[in-house]
Amino acid sequence: MNILFVGKKPRFQTSNKFLHSFRKKYMTKTGGFSGTLDPFASGTLIIALGDIPRLFQFFEKSEKVYRATLWLGAKSESLDIDTDVKIDKINQIEIYKIMEVLESLIGNIRYFPPKYSAKIIDGQRAYNLARDGKNVNLKEIESNIFNIKFINYAHPFLTFEITVSEGSYIRSFGKIIAEKLGTTGILSNLERIREGDFIYNNEAKLNPLEYLQKDFRENIYLRDKRYLFEGGLILLSSLKYQDIGRYYMKYDIYIALIEIIEINGEKKLIIWLIE
């Protein structure tokens, strides 16, 4: 059973538990999701059952769009409401200052991920180390903020919509915004609106070939397809297009992704076959 769709994860549920509900629904043990959402966050989560998770690495999933609410004057270890929250009373901030700060973030930005994150340190998740009270030393990373839009400010809550590159941490951006405004801040709400072209549409089934990265081109298998169904190999000579690059083929229930590379002057095939 190979199924691809976008689910809408509710708040205060782990991404794994959300995935499990679909495994149970479709009575399958295989499947996965792309782009973990924090338990307190909601929104689009790409779900794939069967062998489709093998294709996650080839999907176009950037840019990502989130809507976040920043609680100004609040503090927590996790930079959200998932751990103990301390609140300081702060004065209302003028809108023009908020707009200036938001606009200043557009572009490449270097920052530290939250210590309550899924980053792996010495074989362990950072959030597990943090919960155990151990030191969490994360390396600085770089993200691209393509756009950031002011939505609403009802003191002390600031809501904004942000478009970012894959692998970005919105909680860290919330912290940076608060610091630039001269205070502290944590996310009280976070919703993912879109991942690349993936948007929520009532769990409608999707064609994975329509979501491949843009450099994939269609190729054509020249031999009798029965040869493949009987366990035959895909050879370079059996393809219509043999230039170096990445291709896809679709025939009956099969999907093949093919990369043609050159090693020591000889062309080689790397094949991912989904049945």
Foldseek 3Di string as FASTA:
>chain_A
DKFKAKDKADAQQWPVVVLVVVCVVVVHPAWDWPDTDDRRAIEIIIIIGDPCVVCPVFFQFPWWKKKFKKQWQKDDLQLEPPGDIDGDDDDDDDPVLLVVLQVVQAFKDKDWARLLAQDDDPRHGSNVCVVVVHDRDTDIDMKGWHDKAWDDCDPPMTIIMTIITPPDHVSRVSQVSNVSRPTGIGTHYMYIAGTRPHGHDPGDTDDRVVRGPPFEAAKDFQDDCVCVVVPHDRDLVRIPDNDAGWYWYDDDQKIKIWGWDADPRDIDIDIDMGD
